[in-house]
Amino acid sequence: MTRPALLDTATVDAALRDAGSPWARDGDKLCVEFQFPTFMDAIGFVVTVAENAERLNHHPDIDVRYTTVRLVVSTHDQGGLTELDLQLAEAASAAAVDQVS
C-alpha cells in the first residue's frame, strides 16, 4: 500500500477555508470540538466517526467529555497532514451535522 503524500501548509489551509470547516490547524494536526445535545448523541457521533475511520483505515484521537467530542487527526507515520486527514475531517464534520439534524 502506498503511503499518502504530505500536504503543504497552503494546501491544507485552502482546503479548510474553502470548506468553511470548523477544524483548526495545530502544527501537524487538525483539531475540532463538537457539542451535542445529549451524551448519547455524542456517542452516536463517535460511532459514526469510528466507522468512517475504519473505512479509510485512518484513525483519529477521540476525547469524549459528556456532550463534547474533541477529534485530532494527523498522519503520524508521515509526520504531518495528508489527504486522508482532510477526508476524515470532512466525513466527521458531515457526521456532526447529521447527528444533530
N, C-alpha and C. Protein backbone atom coordinates (compact mmCIF):
# COMPACT_ATOMS: atom_id res chain seq x y z
N MET A 1 0.85 -1.18 0.00
CA MET A 1 0.00 0.00 0.00
C MET A 1 0.89 1.24 0.00
N THR A 2 0.57 2.19 -0.84
CA THR A 2 1.35 3.41 -0.93
C THR A 2 1.01 4.34 0.22
N ARG A 3 2.03 4.96 0.74
CA ARG A 3 1.83 5.92 1.80
C ARG A 3 1.34 7.23 1.21
N PRO A 4 0.40 7.89 1.88
CA PRO A 4 -0.10 9.17 1.36
C PRO A 4 0.98 10.24 1.45
N ALA A 5 0.95 11.15 0.49
CA ALA A 5 1.93 12.24 0.45
C ALA A 5 1.54 13.34 1.43
N LEU A 6 2.55 13.93 2.04
CA LEU A 6 2.31 15.09 2.90
C LEU A 6 1.80 16.26 2.09
N LEU A 7 0.88 17.01 2.69
CA LEU A 7 0.35 18.22 2.06
C LEU A 7 1.07 19.43 2.61
N ASP A 8 1.29 20.41 1.76
CA ASP A 8 1.93 21.63 2.26
C ASP A 8 0.91 22.49 2.99
N THR A 9 1.41 23.43 3.75
CA THR A 9 0.56 24.29 4.58
C THR A 9 -0.50 25.02 3.76
N ALA A 10 -0.12 25.56 2.63
CA ALA A 10 -1.07 26.31 1.80
C ALA A 10 -2.23 25.43 1.33
N THR A 11 -1.94 24.20 0.97
CA THR A 11 -2.98 23.27 0.50
C THR A 11 -3.95 22.95 1.63
N VAL A 12 -3.43 22.68 2.80
CA VAL A 12 -4.30 22.36 3.95
C VAL A 12 -5.14 23.58 4.32
N ASP A 13 -4.50 24.72 4.44
CA ASP A 13 -5.23 25.93 4.82
C ASP A 13 -6.32 26.27 3.80
N ALA A 14 -6.03 26.12 2.52
CA ALA A 14 -7.02 26.40 1.47
C ALA A 14 -8.18 25.41 1.56
N ALA A 15 -7.89 24.15 1.79
CA ALA A 15 -8.95 23.14 1.90
C ALA A 15 -9.87 23.44 3.08
N LEU A 16 -9.31 23.82 4.20
CA LEU A 16 -10.13 24.16 5.37
C LEU A 16 -10.95 25.41 5.12
N ARG A 17 -10.34 26.41 4.54
CA ARG A 17 -11.03 27.68 4.26
C ARG A 17 -12.16 27.47 3.24
N ASP A 18 -11.86 26.75 2.16
CA ASP A 18 -12.85 26.56 1.10
C ASP A 18 -14.05 25.76 1.58
N ALA A 19 -13.83 24.86 2.51
CA ALA A 19 -14.93 24.04 3.02
C ALA A 19 -15.71 24.74 4.12
N GLY A 20 -15.24 25.91 4.56
CA GLY A 20 -15.88 26.58 5.69
C GLY A 20 -15.80 25.70 6.92
N SER A 21 -14.69 25.04 7.06
CA SER A 21 -14.51 24.00 8.06
C SER A 21 -14.41 24.53 9.49
N PRO A 22 -14.96 23.77 10.47
CA PRO A 22 -14.78 24.13 11.87
C PRO A 22 -13.42 23.68 12.41
N TRP A 23 -12.66 22.96 11.61
CA TRP A 23 -11.38 22.43 12.02
C TRP A 23 -10.33 23.53 12.07
N ALA A 24 -9.37 23.38 12.98
CA ALA A 24 -8.25 24.31 13.09
C ALA A 24 -6.95 23.52 12.98
N ARG A 25 -6.00 24.14 12.38
CA ARG A 25 -4.68 23.51 12.26
C ARG A 25 -3.87 23.82 13.52
N ASP A 26 -3.24 22.80 14.07
CA ASP A 26 -2.35 22.95 15.22
C ASP A 26 -1.05 22.23 14.87
N GLY A 27 -0.17 22.94 14.20
CA GLY A 27 1.08 22.33 13.74
C GLY A 27 0.80 21.28 12.69
N ASP A 28 1.16 20.04 12.97
CA ASP A 28 0.95 18.95 12.02
C ASP A 28 -0.31 18.15 12.32
N LYS A 29 -1.28 18.80 13.00
CA LYS A 29 -2.55 18.14 13.35
C LYS A 29 -3.71 19.04 12.98
N LEU A 30 -4.87 18.42 12.77
CA LEU A 30 -6.13 19.14 12.65
C LEU A 30 -6.95 18.81 13.89
N CYS A 31 -7.58 19.83 14.48
CA CYS A 31 -8.33 19.64 15.72
C CYS A 31 -9.71 20.29 15.59
N VAL A 32 -10.66 19.70 16.30
CA VAL A 32 -12.02 20.25 16.33
C VAL A 32 -12.73 19.77 17.59
N GLU A 33 -13.69 20.56 18.05
CA GLU A 33 -14.59 20.13 19.12
C GLU A 33 -16.01 20.30 18.62
N PHE A 34 -16.81 19.27 18.85
CA PHE A 34 -18.23 19.33 18.52
C PHE A 34 -19.03 19.18 19.81
N GLN A 35 -20.11 19.95 19.90
CA GLN A 35 -21.03 19.88 21.04
C GLN A 35 -22.32 19.20 20.58
N PHE A 36 -22.87 18.34 21.42
CA PHE A 36 -24.10 17.64 21.11
C PHE A 36 -25.11 17.86 22.22
N PRO A 37 -26.40 17.72 21.91
CA PRO A 37 -27.43 17.96 22.92
C PRO A 37 -27.38 16.99 24.10
N THR A 38 -27.02 15.73 23.82
CA THR A 38 -27.01 14.72 24.88
C THR A 38 -25.75 13.86 24.77
N PHE A 39 -25.47 13.15 25.84
CA PHE A 39 -24.34 12.22 25.84
C PHE A 39 -24.51 11.16 24.77
N MET A 40 -25.72 10.63 24.61
CA MET A 40 -25.95 9.58 23.62
C MET A 40 -25.78 10.11 22.19
N ASP A 41 -26.10 11.37 21.95
CA ASP A 41 -25.82 11.97 20.64
C ASP A 41 -24.32 12.02 20.39
N ALA A 42 -23.56 12.39 21.42
CA ALA A 42 -22.11 12.43 21.30
C ALA A 42 -21.55 11.04 20.99
N ILE A 43 -22.05 10.03 21.67
CA ILE A 43 -21.57 8.66 21.46
C ILE A 43 -21.98 8.16 20.07
N GLY A 44 -23.18 8.50 19.62
CA GLY A 44 -23.60 8.14 18.27
C GLY A 44 -22.67 8.74 17.23
N PHE A 45 -22.27 9.97 17.45
CA PHE A 45 -21.31 10.63 16.56
C PHE A 45 -19.98 9.89 16.57
N VAL A 46 -19.50 9.52 17.74
CA VAL A 46 -18.22 8.79 17.85
C VAL A 46 -18.29 7.47 17.07
N VAL A 47 -19.41 6.78 17.16
CA VAL A 47 -19.56 5.52 16.42
C VAL A 47 -19.47 5.78 14.92
N THR A 48 -20.12 6.83 14.44
CA THR A 48 -20.06 7.16 13.01
C THR A 48 -18.64 7.51 12.60
N VAL A 49 -17.94 8.30 13.42
CA VAL A 49 -16.55 8.65 13.12
C VAL A 49 -15.69 7.39 13.07
N ALA A 50 -15.92 6.48 14.02
CA ALA A 50 -15.15 5.23 14.05
C ALA A 50 -15.40 4.40 12.79
N GLU A 51 -16.64 4.34 12.33
CA GLU A 51 -16.94 3.60 11.10
C GLU A 51 -16.23 4.22 9.90
N ASN A 52 -16.25 5.55 9.81
CA ASN A 52 -15.54 6.23 8.72
C ASN A 52 -14.03 6.01 8.82
N ALA A 53 -13.51 6.04 10.02
CA ALA A 53 -12.08 5.82 10.23
C ALA A 53 -11.68 4.41 9.78
N GLU A 54 -12.48 3.44 10.09
CA GLU A 54 -12.20 2.06 9.65
C GLU A 54 -12.22 1.96 8.14
N ARG A 55 -13.21 2.60 7.52
CA ARG A 55 -13.32 2.57 6.06
C ARG A 55 -12.08 3.18 5.41
N LEU A 56 -11.57 4.27 6.00
CA LEU A 56 -10.39 4.94 5.46
C LEU A 56 -9.08 4.31 5.95
N ASN A 57 -9.18 3.44 6.95
CA ASN A 57 -8.01 2.89 7.63
C ASN A 57 -7.11 4.03 8.12
N HIS A 58 -7.77 5.00 8.76
CA HIS A 58 -7.09 6.20 9.25
C HIS A 58 -7.85 6.66 10.50
N HIS A 59 -7.21 6.61 11.65
CA HIS A 59 -7.93 6.73 12.91
C HIS A 59 -7.55 7.99 13.69
N PRO A 60 -8.57 8.74 14.13
CA PRO A 60 -8.32 9.97 14.88
C PRO A 60 -8.11 9.67 16.37
N ASP A 61 -7.57 10.66 17.07
CA ASP A 61 -7.61 10.64 18.53
C ASP A 61 -8.98 11.21 18.90
N ILE A 62 -9.68 10.53 19.80
CA ILE A 62 -11.04 10.93 20.18
C ILE A 62 -11.10 11.10 21.69
N ASP A 63 -11.62 12.25 22.12
CA ASP A 63 -11.80 12.54 23.55
C ASP A 63 -13.26 12.92 23.75
N VAL A 64 -13.94 12.16 24.61
CA VAL A 64 -15.35 12.43 24.90
C VAL A 64 -15.46 12.96 26.32
N ARG A 65 -16.08 14.12 26.45
CA ARG A 65 -16.35 14.73 27.76
C ARG A 65 -17.83 15.09 27.79
N TYR A 66 -18.64 14.14 28.23
CA TYR A 66 -20.09 14.26 28.32
C TYR A 66 -20.69 14.58 26.95
N THR A 67 -21.03 15.82 26.64
CA THR A 67 -21.64 16.14 25.34
C THR A 67 -20.65 16.80 24.38
N THR A 68 -19.38 16.85 24.76
CA THR A 68 -18.34 17.44 23.92
C THR A 68 -17.42 16.34 23.40
N VAL A 69 -17.19 16.35 22.10
CA VAL A 69 -16.26 15.40 21.48
C VAL A 69 -15.17 16.20 20.80
N ARG A 70 -13.93 15.89 21.15
CA ARG A 70 -12.76 16.52 20.52
C ARG A 70 -12.08 15.47 19.66
N LEU A 71 -11.79 15.85 18.42
CA LEU A 71 -11.08 14.99 17.48
C LEU A 71 -9.77 15.65 17.09
N VAL A 72 -8.73 14.83 16.96
CA VAL A 72 -7.44 15.28 16.46
C VAL A 72 -7.00 14.29 15.40
N VAL A 73 -6.66 14.79 14.22
CA VAL A 73 -6.20 13.91 13.14
C VAL A 73 -4.83 14.35 12.65
N SER A 74 -4.04 13.36 12.29
CA SER A 74 -2.72 13.57 11.72
C SER A 74 -2.29 12.23 11.14
N THR A 75 -1.47 12.28 10.13
CA THR A 75 -0.91 11.04 9.59
C THR A 75 0.44 10.84 10.29
N HIS A 76 0.38 10.16 11.43
CA HIS A 76 1.55 10.03 12.31
C HIS A 76 2.76 9.43 11.60
N ASP A 77 2.53 8.39 10.79
CA ASP A 77 3.68 7.73 10.15
C ASP A 77 4.31 8.59 9.05
N GLN A 78 3.62 9.66 8.64
CA GLN A 78 4.17 10.60 7.67
C GLN A 78 4.70 11.87 8.34
N GLY A 79 4.34 12.05 9.61
CA GLY A 79 4.81 13.23 10.32
C GLY A 79 4.14 14.52 9.91
N GLY A 80 2.87 14.42 9.50
CA GLY A 80 2.16 15.63 9.09
C GLY A 80 0.77 15.33 8.60
N LEU A 81 0.27 16.19 7.75
CA LEU A 81 -1.10 16.08 7.25
C LEU A 81 -1.10 15.61 5.80
N THR A 82 -2.05 14.70 5.52
CA THR A 82 -2.21 14.15 4.18
C THR A 82 -3.67 14.27 3.77
N GLU A 83 -3.95 13.84 2.57
CA GLU A 83 -5.32 13.83 2.06
C GLU A 83 -6.24 13.01 2.97
N LEU A 84 -5.72 11.96 3.58
CA LEU A 84 -6.53 11.15 4.50
C LEU A 84 -7.06 11.98 5.66
N ASP A 85 -6.25 12.90 6.15
CA ASP A 85 -6.69 13.76 7.25
C ASP A 85 -7.84 14.66 6.81
N LEU A 86 -7.72 15.21 5.62
CA LEU A 86 -8.80 16.06 5.10
C LEU A 86 -10.07 15.26 4.85
N GLN A 87 -9.93 14.05 4.35
CA GLN A 87 -11.10 13.19 4.11
C GLN A 87 -11.79 12.84 5.42
N LEU A 88 -11.01 12.47 6.43
CA LEU A 88 -11.60 12.12 7.73
C LEU A 88 -12.25 13.34 8.38
N ALA A 89 -11.61 14.50 8.27
CA ALA A 89 -12.19 15.73 8.82
C ALA A 89 -13.51 16.06 8.15
N GLU A 90 -13.55 15.93 6.83
CA GLU A 90 -14.79 16.21 6.10
C GLU A 90 -15.90 15.24 6.50
N ALA A 91 -15.57 13.98 6.61
CA ALA A 91 -16.57 12.97 7.00
C ALA A 91 -17.07 13.22 8.42
N ALA A 92 -16.17 13.60 9.32
CA ALA A 92 -16.57 13.87 10.70
C ALA A 92 -17.47 15.11 10.78
N SER A 93 -17.14 16.14 10.03
CA SER A 93 -17.98 17.34 10.03
C SER A 93 -19.38 17.03 9.52
N ALA A 94 -19.47 16.23 8.47
CA ALA A 94 -20.78 15.84 7.93
C ALA A 94 -21.54 15.00 8.95
N ALA A 95 -20.85 14.11 9.65
CA ALA A 95 -21.50 13.27 10.65
C ALA A 95 -22.02 14.11 11.81
N ALA A 96 -21.30 15.15 12.19
CA ALA A 96 -21.75 16.02 13.28
C ALA A 96 -23.04 16.72 12.91
N VAL A 97 -23.12 17.20 11.68
CA VAL A 97 -24.34 17.86 11.20
C VAL A 97 -25.50 16.86 11.19
N ASP A 98 -25.24 15.67 10.67
CA ASP A 98 -26.28 14.64 10.60
C ASP A 98 -26.76 14.22 11.98
N GLN A 99 -25.84 14.15 12.94
CA GLN A 99 -26.18 13.68 14.28
C GLN A 99 -27.17 14.62 14.98
N VAL A 100 -27.07 15.91 14.73
CA VAL A 100 -27.96 16.85 15.41
C VAL A 100 -29.16 17.26 14.56
N SER A 101 -29.24 16.75 13.36
CA SER A 101 -30.37 17.09 12.48
C SER A 101 -31.59 16.25 12.81
